[in-house]
Amino acid sequence: MTSKFNILQYTIRRQNMSRISLQLVRFKGTGILMLNMGGPKNIDEVGDFLTRLFQDRDIMQLPVQARLGKWIAEKRTPSIKQKYSEIGGGSPILSWTNKQGALMCKKLDQMSPETSPHKHYVGFRYAHPLTEEALDEMEKDGITRAVAFSQFPQYSCATTGSSIHAFHKYYLSRHTKLKWSLIDRWGTNRFLVKTFAERIKDELAKFEDSVRPSVVILFSAHSLPMKVVNRGDPYPTEVSATVQLVMEELKFGNPYRLVWQSKVGFLPWLQPSTDESMKALAKKGVKNIILVPIAFINEHIETLHELDIEYGKELAEEIGIHVKRAASPNDHPLFINGLAEIVVDHLKANVAVSPQVLMTCPLCNRETCRETKKWLCTLNKT
C-alpha cells in the first residue's frame, strides 16, 4: 500500500511539474522598456552624446547632417563638459531611471500578478544603454510580453517620436517573437499631476505666510523649434494640459505661467523663455518664484544646472529675486504609483498602439514618420 501511494505521489508531482514547465514556456514575464534621451554618465561620454543628439533629424534637420551635426557637437563639447563637472561629473538620469523602474516593477508584481514577473529595461536615444542595446537584451532574455514605455509624459516628435523611430529601425531587418505594445503619452495621469502638486506645495511651505499667495509659479518645459510646432506637433498642447490639471489640484492658489527653456541655435523656438520671463517679472516687482520642471520626471542637467545654477542662483542674484525649484518626480511614492497604474491599465486594455500616435502631424511630410506609423499599425494586428 505504501509503495502504491509513493508511486501515485510521484506521478502527481511529475504532472504538476509538467504543468508548471508548460506555464513557464507559455509566459516568461513582462519587460518594460523605459525610453528617454539619456545623458552621459561621465565627462568622457559628453562628446559622443552630443554627436548622436545633433545628428538626429528628429531633433533638427541640417544640410549634410552627419558632418554638420558632428561639428556642432565638437564646438559645444567643452562648455557642456564644464556644466556636467559642476553637477557632479555626469548625468544622474540612468541612476534615477533604474530606481524608478525597479520600484515600478516591484509594485507591478503586486498589482498584476498575472503578467509577472516584471522587469524594466532602459533604452536611451543618445547615451548608453542605447535603445538598440536594450532591445538586444530583451530579445536575449526571451520574455513574452514587452511594453515600450516613453518616459516623456507629453508627446513630441522630437522626443518620443525619435525613440519610436529607433525602435522601428531596429526591427526593420529582424523578426521578433515578443508581443510588443507602446505607451506613448501620459501627461494627464492623476498620480503624475498629484506628484507635481505635492512638489510645489513643499516649496510653497518654505515661504512666509505673508508672501506665499503672491509667489509666482513658473512651469518650465523644454522648448521646441517653431518649425516643429507649426507642422502640428502636439507637445505644447499636452504640456499645457498637465499644467492646467496641476493648478486645478492646487485650486489655482497662486499666479502661474508656462515658460520654455533649453533653446539651441538661432531659429525661432517656443516662447516666452524661462530666463526672459524671470527678468520681465522682476522688473514688474515680482520677488518670489518657484520653478517647476513640468516636462521632466527625473533630475538631469536641465534641472540641476540650467534651472538650479543658471536661473535659480546666477540669474536670481543678478535680478534680485528669490527663486526656489520644485524637485522632479524622481522616486516620489505617488509618482511610482502612477508609473505602475499606467502600465497596468495599458496591459488590461490590450491595445498595442493608441490611435493618437498612429496619426502624423497635419503638415508633416517626412517619409520616416509615415513608414514608422505604418509599422506601428502592424503591432495592433499581432
Protein backbone atom coordinates (compact mmCIF):
# COMPACT_ATOMS: atom_id res chain seq x y z
CA MET A 1 0.00 0.00 0.00
CA THR A 2 2.79 2.37 0.92
CA SER A 3 4.61 1.58 -2.33
CA LYS A 4 1.50 2.31 -4.40
CA PHE A 5 0.97 5.57 -2.50
CA ASN A 6 4.55 6.68 -3.17
CA ILE A 7 4.18 5.93 -6.89
CA LEU A 8 0.91 7.87 -7.03
CA GLN A 9 2.51 10.80 -5.17
CA TYR A 10 5.48 10.78 -7.56
CA THR A 11 3.15 10.72 -10.56
CA ILE A 12 1.18 13.70 -9.26
CA ARG A 13 4.40 15.61 -8.65
CA ARG A 14 5.58 14.87 -12.17
CA GLN A 15 2.24 16.01 -13.61
CA ASN A 16 2.35 19.22 -11.57
CA MET A 17 5.92 19.90 -12.64
CA SER A 18 4.89 19.40 -16.26
CA ARG A 19 2.11 21.91 -15.85
CA ILE A 20 4.48 24.38 -14.23
CA SER A 21 7.03 23.89 -17.00
CA LEU A 22 4.31 24.40 -19.59
CA GLN A 23 3.25 27.63 -17.92
CA LEU A 24 6.83 28.88 -17.98
CA VAL A 25 7.06 28.15 -21.67
CA ARG A 26 3.79 29.93 -22.31
CA PHE A 27 4.63 33.07 -20.32
CA LYS A 28 8.05 34.28 -19.26
CA GLY A 29 7.12 37.66 -17.89
CA THR A 30 6.70 41.25 -18.98
CA GLY A 31 9.53 43.57 -19.95
CA ILE A 32 9.05 47.33 -19.74
CA LEU A 33 11.41 49.34 -21.93
CA MET A 34 11.82 52.82 -20.44
CA LEU A 35 12.61 55.18 -23.32
CA ASN A 36 14.35 58.51 -22.83
CA MET A 37 17.05 60.75 -24.28
CA GLY A 38 19.54 59.78 -21.59
CA GLY A 39 22.69 61.61 -20.58
CA PRO A 40 26.44 61.00 -20.32
CA LYS A 41 27.37 59.08 -17.18
CA ASN A 42 30.73 60.83 -17.05
CA ILE A 43 32.65 63.65 -18.73
CA ASP A 44 34.26 61.31 -21.29
CA GLU A 45 30.84 60.42 -22.75
CA VAL A 46 29.76 64.02 -23.43
CA GLY A 47 31.17 64.24 -26.97
CA ASP A 48 29.50 61.04 -28.20
CA PHE A 49 26.24 62.02 -26.52
CA LEU A 50 26.17 65.40 -28.28
CA THR A 51 27.16 63.89 -31.63
CA ARG A 52 24.23 61.45 -31.54
CA LEU A 53 21.93 64.28 -30.49
CA PHE A 54 22.87 66.73 -33.24
CA GLN A 55 22.91 64.05 -35.92
CA ASP A 56 19.30 63.09 -35.14
CA ARG A 57 16.98 64.50 -37.81
CA ASP A 58 14.04 64.18 -35.44
CA ILE A 59 15.63 66.91 -33.33
CA MET A 60 16.67 69.19 -36.18
CA GLN A 61 17.16 68.96 -39.94
CA LEU A 62 20.52 70.26 -41.13
CA PRO A 63 22.25 70.15 -44.51
CA VAL A 64 24.90 67.39 -44.57
CA GLN A 65 23.65 66.44 -41.12
CA ALA A 66 26.29 63.83 -40.31
CA ARG A 67 29.15 66.28 -40.83
CA LEU A 68 27.50 69.45 -39.56
CA GLY A 69 25.96 67.70 -36.54
CA LYS A 70 29.37 66.35 -35.56
CA TRP A 71 30.91 69.81 -35.99
CA ILE A 72 28.28 71.44 -33.74
CA ALA A 73 28.81 68.70 -31.15
CA GLU A 74 32.57 69.26 -31.15
CA LYS A 75 32.11 73.01 -30.71
CA ARG A 76 29.71 72.59 -27.80
CA THR A 77 31.51 69.73 -26.02
CA PRO A 78 33.93 71.82 -23.89
CA SER A 79 31.19 74.07 -22.44
CA ILE A 80 28.85 71.13 -21.80
CA LYS A 81 31.66 69.19 -20.11
CA GLN A 82 32.13 72.15 -17.78
CA LYS A 83 28.42 72.12 -16.90
CA TYR A 84 28.48 68.41 -16.12
CA SER A 85 31.54 68.92 -13.94
CA GLU A 86 29.50 71.41 -11.90
CA ILE A 87 26.74 68.88 -11.17
CA GLY A 88 28.95 66.00 -10.09
CA GLY A 89 30.74 64.93 -13.27
CA GLY A 90 27.89 63.24 -15.13
CA SER A 91 24.15 62.87 -15.54
CA PRO A 92 22.17 61.05 -12.83
CA ILE A 93 19.39 60.16 -15.28
CA LEU A 94 20.40 56.48 -15.61
CA SER A 95 20.53 56.05 -11.85
CA TRP A 96 17.11 57.67 -11.45
CA THR A 97 15.57 55.68 -14.30
CA ASN A 98 16.83 52.40 -12.86
CA LYS A 99 15.50 53.31 -9.44
CA GLN A 100 12.12 54.30 -10.87
CA GLY A 101 12.00 51.13 -12.96
CA ALA A 102 12.83 48.82 -10.06
CA LEU A 103 10.22 50.44 -7.79
CA MET A 104 7.63 50.35 -10.59
CA CYS A 105 8.22 46.64 -11.27
CA LYS A 106 8.00 45.77 -7.58
CA LYS A 107 4.59 47.43 -7.46
CA LEU A 108 3.55 45.83 -10.77
CA ASP A 109 4.26 42.36 -9.38
CA GLN A 110 1.77 43.14 -6.60
CA MET A 111 -0.85 44.84 -8.77
CA SER A 112 -0.73 42.49 -11.76
CA PRO A 113 0.47 39.01 -10.73
CA GLU A 114 -0.94 37.54 -13.94
CA THR A 115 1.65 39.47 -16.01
CA SER A 116 4.54 38.96 -13.59
CA PRO A 117 7.43 38.80 -13.24
CA HIS A 118 8.05 42.34 -14.49
CA LYS A 119 11.48 43.58 -15.45
CA HIS A 120 12.47 47.07 -16.52
CA TYR A 121 14.99 47.88 -19.24
CA VAL A 122 16.49 51.29 -20.01
CA GLY A 123 16.76 52.45 -23.63
CA PHE A 124 18.38 55.84 -24.17
CA ARG A 125 18.43 57.62 -27.51
CA TYR A 126 21.82 59.30 -27.21
CA ALA A 127 23.69 57.62 -24.33
CA HIS A 128 24.39 54.09 -23.14
CA PRO A 129 22.44 51.92 -22.71
CA LEU A 130 21.19 52.82 -26.18
CA THR A 131 17.71 51.77 -27.30
CA GLU A 132 19.25 49.17 -29.61
CA GLU A 133 21.31 47.71 -26.75
CA ALA A 134 18.23 47.42 -24.55
CA LEU A 135 16.31 45.69 -27.35
CA ASP A 136 19.17 43.22 -27.79
CA GLU A 137 18.94 42.40 -24.09
CA MET A 138 15.17 41.96 -24.18
CA GLU A 139 15.36 39.61 -27.15
CA LYS A 140 18.03 37.51 -25.43
CA ASP A 141 16.05 37.34 -22.19
CA GLY A 142 13.19 35.71 -24.08
CA ILE A 143 10.39 37.50 -22.26
CA THR A 144 6.88 37.01 -23.60
CA ARG A 145 5.29 40.45 -23.31
CA ALA A 146 7.08 43.72 -24.00
CA VAL A 147 5.96 47.31 -23.43
CA ALA A 148 7.81 50.31 -24.84
CA PHE A 149 7.11 52.99 -22.22
CA SER A 150 8.06 56.56 -23.17
CA GLN A 151 9.42 58.47 -20.19
CA PHE A 152 8.31 61.74 -21.74
CA PRO A 153 4.82 62.36 -20.27
CA GLN A 154 3.90 64.72 -23.10
CA TYR A 155 4.39 63.52 -26.67
CA SER A 156 6.64 65.25 -29.19
CA CYS A 157 8.00 64.03 -32.48
CA ALA A 158 11.42 65.24 -31.28
CA THR A 159 11.43 63.08 -28.15
CA THR A 160 9.06 60.11 -28.02
CA GLY A 161 8.81 60.19 -31.82
CA SER A 162 12.59 59.86 -32.15
CA SER A 163 12.68 56.90 -29.75
CA ILE A 164 9.89 55.19 -31.70
CA HIS A 165 11.84 55.67 -34.94
CA ALA A 166 14.86 53.97 -33.35
CA PHE A 167 12.55 51.18 -32.15
CA HIS A 168 11.17 50.76 -35.69
CA LYS A 169 14.61 50.88 -37.32
CA TYR A 170 15.84 48.08 -35.06
CA TYR A 171 13.10 45.72 -36.27
CA LEU A 172 13.31 46.60 -39.96
CA SER A 173 15.62 43.63 -40.58
CA ARG A 174 14.71 41.48 -37.58
CA HIS A 175 11.90 39.15 -36.67
CA THR A 176 10.67 39.09 -33.10
CA LYS A 177 8.57 36.67 -31.07
CA LEU A 178 7.86 39.34 -28.46
CA LYS A 179 4.36 40.72 -28.19
CA TRP A 180 5.05 44.45 -28.30
CA SER A 181 2.90 47.42 -27.34
CA LEU A 182 3.53 51.12 -26.79
CA ILE A 183 2.71 53.72 -24.12
CA ASP A 184 3.31 56.97 -25.97
CA ARG A 185 1.95 59.71 -23.63
CA TRP A 186 0.54 60.10 -20.13
CA GLY A 187 0.71 63.79 -19.24
CA THR A 188 -2.72 63.78 -17.59
CA ASN A 189 -2.17 60.78 -15.31
CA ARG A 190 -3.69 61.57 -11.93
CA PHE A 191 -0.65 60.48 -9.93
CA LEU A 192 1.72 62.50 -12.11
CA VAL A 193 -0.47 65.56 -11.52
CA LYS A 194 -0.63 64.94 -7.76
CA THR A 195 3.14 64.45 -7.59
CA PHE A 196 3.83 67.81 -9.22
CA ALA A 197 1.28 69.44 -6.94
CA GLU A 198 2.94 67.94 -3.85
CA ARG A 199 6.39 69.04 -5.03
CA ILE A 200 5.08 72.61 -5.45
CA LYS A 201 3.40 72.55 -2.02
CA ASP A 202 6.73 71.51 -0.49
CA GLU A 203 8.35 74.66 -1.89
CA LEU A 204 5.42 76.97 -1.12
CA ALA A 205 5.65 75.89 2.52
CA LYS A 206 9.16 77.40 2.68
CA PHE A 207 7.81 80.92 2.10
CA GLU A 208 6.40 83.08 4.88
CA ASP A 209 2.62 83.16 5.19
CA SER A 210 2.52 86.83 4.22
CA VAL A 211 4.11 86.33 0.79
CA ARG A 212 3.01 82.76 -0.06
CA PRO A 213 -0.15 83.72 -2.04
CA SER A 214 1.86 86.06 -4.29
CA VAL A 215 4.60 83.55 -5.18
CA VAL A 216 4.63 83.09 -8.97
CA ILE A 217 4.79 79.52 -10.22
CA LEU A 218 6.70 79.19 -13.50
CA PHE A 219 6.16 75.83 -15.15
CA SER A 220 9.30 75.37 -17.23
CA ALA A 221 9.32 72.83 -20.08
CA HIS A 222 11.94 72.06 -22.69
CA SER A 223 11.32 74.32 -25.66
CA LEU A 224 10.75 73.20 -29.24
CA PRO A 225 11.56 74.83 -32.60
CA MET A 226 8.55 76.65 -34.06
CA LYS A 227 9.18 74.77 -37.30
CA VAL A 228 8.21 71.60 -35.44
CA VAL A 229 5.29 73.23 -33.61
CA ASN A 230 3.86 74.74 -36.80
CA ARG A 231 3.61 71.40 -38.56
CA GLY A 232 1.27 70.22 -35.79
CA ASP A 233 3.40 68.69 -33.04
CA PRO A 234 1.07 68.14 -30.03
CA TYR A 235 3.71 68.83 -27.37
CA PRO A 236 2.76 72.42 -26.40
CA THR A 237 -0.90 71.47 -26.03
CA GLU A 238 -0.11 68.40 -23.95
CA VAL A 239 2.26 70.30 -21.64
CA SER A 240 -0.46 72.92 -21.17
CA ALA A 241 -2.92 70.16 -20.22
CA THR A 242 -0.59 68.95 -17.48
CA VAL A 243 -0.16 72.50 -16.16
CA GLN A 244 -3.92 73.05 -16.08
CA LEU A 245 -4.53 69.88 -14.07
CA VAL A 246 -1.74 70.67 -11.61
CA MET A 247 -3.18 74.12 -10.99
CA GLU A 248 -6.64 72.61 -10.51
CA GLU A 249 -5.08 70.33 -7.87
CA LEU A 250 -3.62 73.45 -6.24
CA LYS A 251 -7.01 75.20 -6.51
CA PHE A 252 -5.39 77.99 -8.55
CA GLY A 253 -3.97 79.41 -5.33
CA ASN A 254 -1.04 81.22 -6.97
CA PRO A 255 -0.36 83.16 -10.17
CA TYR A 256 1.34 80.96 -12.77
CA ARG A 257 2.63 80.79 -16.33
CA LEU A 258 4.06 78.19 -18.70
CA VAL A 259 7.53 79.09 -19.97
CA TRP A 260 10.15 77.34 -22.11
CA GLN A 261 13.81 76.53 -21.57
CA SER A 262 16.86 75.00 -23.29
CA LYS A 263 16.67 76.68 -26.68
CA VAL A 264 19.57 75.80 -29.02
CA GLY A 265 20.60 77.82 -32.09
CA PHE A 266 19.19 80.92 -33.78
CA LEU A 267 15.89 79.69 -35.25
CA PRO A 268 12.60 80.68 -33.55
CA TRP A 269 11.55 78.40 -30.66
CA LEU A 270 8.58 78.36 -28.30
CA GLN A 271 8.36 81.45 -26.14
CA PRO A 272 8.41 83.06 -23.62
CA SER A 273 11.73 81.67 -22.45
CA THR A 274 12.23 80.88 -18.77
CA ASP A 275 15.10 83.32 -18.25
CA GLU A 276 13.49 86.23 -20.12
CA SER A 277 10.24 85.68 -18.21
CA MET A 278 12.12 85.84 -14.91
CA LYS A 279 13.78 89.11 -15.93
CA ALA A 280 10.48 90.65 -17.04
CA LEU A 281 8.67 89.60 -13.85
CA ALA A 282 11.46 91.04 -11.71
CA LYS A 283 11.04 94.40 -13.47
CA LYS A 284 7.34 94.26 -12.64
CA GLY A 285 8.07 93.85 -8.96
CA VAL A 286 7.80 90.07 -8.55
CA LYS A 287 10.09 88.95 -5.73
CA ASN A 288 9.39 85.24 -5.30
CA ILE A 289 9.26 82.48 -7.92
CA ILE A 290 9.01 78.70 -7.92
CA LEU A 291 10.39 76.93 -11.00
CA VAL A 292 8.65 73.66 -11.85
CA PRO A 293 10.21 71.23 -14.41
CA ILE A 294 6.81 70.16 -15.71
CA ALA A 295 8.03 68.02 -18.62
CA PHE A 296 10.87 66.24 -16.78
CA ILE A 297 10.39 63.24 -14.48
CA ASN A 298 13.89 62.99 -13.02
CA GLU A 299 16.89 65.16 -12.32
CA HIS A 300 19.43 65.79 -15.08
CA ILE A 301 21.46 68.65 -16.50
CA GLU A 302 18.45 70.79 -17.45
CA THR A 303 17.16 70.77 -13.87
CA LEU A 304 20.39 70.58 -11.89
CA HIS A 305 22.35 73.09 -13.94
CA GLU A 306 20.02 75.18 -16.10
CA LEU A 307 17.25 75.65 -13.54
CA ASP A 308 19.24 75.42 -10.30
CA ILE A 309 22.51 77.13 -11.19
CA GLU A 310 21.95 79.32 -14.26
CA TYR A 311 18.46 80.57 -13.31
CA GLY A 312 17.91 79.76 -9.64
CA LYS A 313 21.28 81.06 -8.48
CA GLU A 314 23.12 83.20 -11.04
CA LEU A 315 20.16 84.92 -12.71
CA ALA A 316 18.23 85.25 -9.45
CA GLU A 317 21.14 87.09 -7.86
CA GLU A 318 21.52 89.32 -10.93
CA ILE A 319 17.89 90.45 -10.99
CA GLY A 320 17.31 90.43 -7.22
CA ILE A 321 14.59 87.81 -6.78
CA HIS A 322 14.13 84.76 -4.56
CA VAL A 323 13.84 81.51 -6.53
CA LYS A 324 13.02 78.00 -5.36
CA ARG A 325 12.78 74.95 -7.59
CA ALA A 326 10.30 72.11 -7.20
CA ALA A 327 12.01 68.73 -7.32
CA SER A 328 11.30 66.45 -10.27
CA PRO A 329 9.00 63.47 -9.57
CA ASN A 330 12.04 61.18 -9.10
CA ASP A 331 11.07 58.40 -6.66
CA HIS A 332 8.08 60.11 -5.02
CA PRO A 333 5.70 57.31 -3.90
CA LEU A 334 2.76 58.90 -5.72
CA PHE A 335 4.77 59.02 -8.93
CA ILE A 336 5.79 55.36 -8.66
CA ASN A 337 2.10 54.53 -8.16
CA GLY A 338 1.41 56.45 -11.36
CA LEU A 339 4.00 54.57 -13.41
CA ALA A 340 2.61 51.24 -12.24
CA GLU A 341 -1.01 52.30 -12.82
CA ILE A 342 -0.21 53.43 -16.37
CA VAL A 343 1.35 50.04 -17.22
CA VAL A 344 -1.43 48.00 -15.57
CA ASP A 345 -4.16 49.95 -17.36
CA HIS A 346 -2.27 49.58 -20.63
CA LEU A 347 -1.90 45.80 -20.24
CA LYS A 348 -5.56 45.39 -19.34
CA ALA A 349 -6.70 47.47 -22.32
CA ASN A 350 -4.89 45.05 -24.64
CA VAL A 351 -4.44 47.73 -27.31
CA ALA A 352 -0.93 47.68 -28.70
CA VAL A 353 -0.84 51.23 -30.10
CA SER A 354 -3.18 54.16 -29.47
CA PRO A 355 -4.94 55.83 -32.43
CA GLN A 356 -3.34 59.15 -31.48
CA VAL A 357 0.23 58.02 -32.13
CA LEU A 358 -0.75 56.48 -35.48
CA MET A 359 -1.60 59.93 -36.84
CA THR A 360 1.19 62.01 -38.35
CA CYS A 361 1.31 65.75 -37.72
CA PRO A 362 -1.01 67.52 -40.23
CA LEU A 363 1.82 69.27 -42.09
CA CYS A 364 4.44 66.55 -41.70
CA ASN A 365 5.91 65.33 -45.00
CA ARG A 366 8.69 63.11 -43.66
CA GLU A 367 8.79 59.63 -45.13
CA THR A 368 10.38 58.30 -41.93
CA CYS A 369 7.29 59.23 -39.93
CA ARG A 370 4.90 57.66 -42.42
CA GLU A 371 6.82 54.39 -42.53
CA THR A 372 7.06 54.19 -38.75
CA LYS A 373 3.32 54.78 -38.37
CA LYS A 374 2.60 52.02 -40.89
CA TRP A 375 4.81 49.65 -38.91
CA LEU A 376 3.12 50.60 -35.63
CA CYS A 377 -0.22 49.67 -37.20
CA THR A 378 1.02 46.10 -37.58
CA LEU A 379 1.50 45.82 -33.79
CA ASN A 380 -2.26 46.10 -33.33
CA LYS A 381 -2.69 43.03 -35.54
CA THR A 382 -0.36 40.71 -33.64
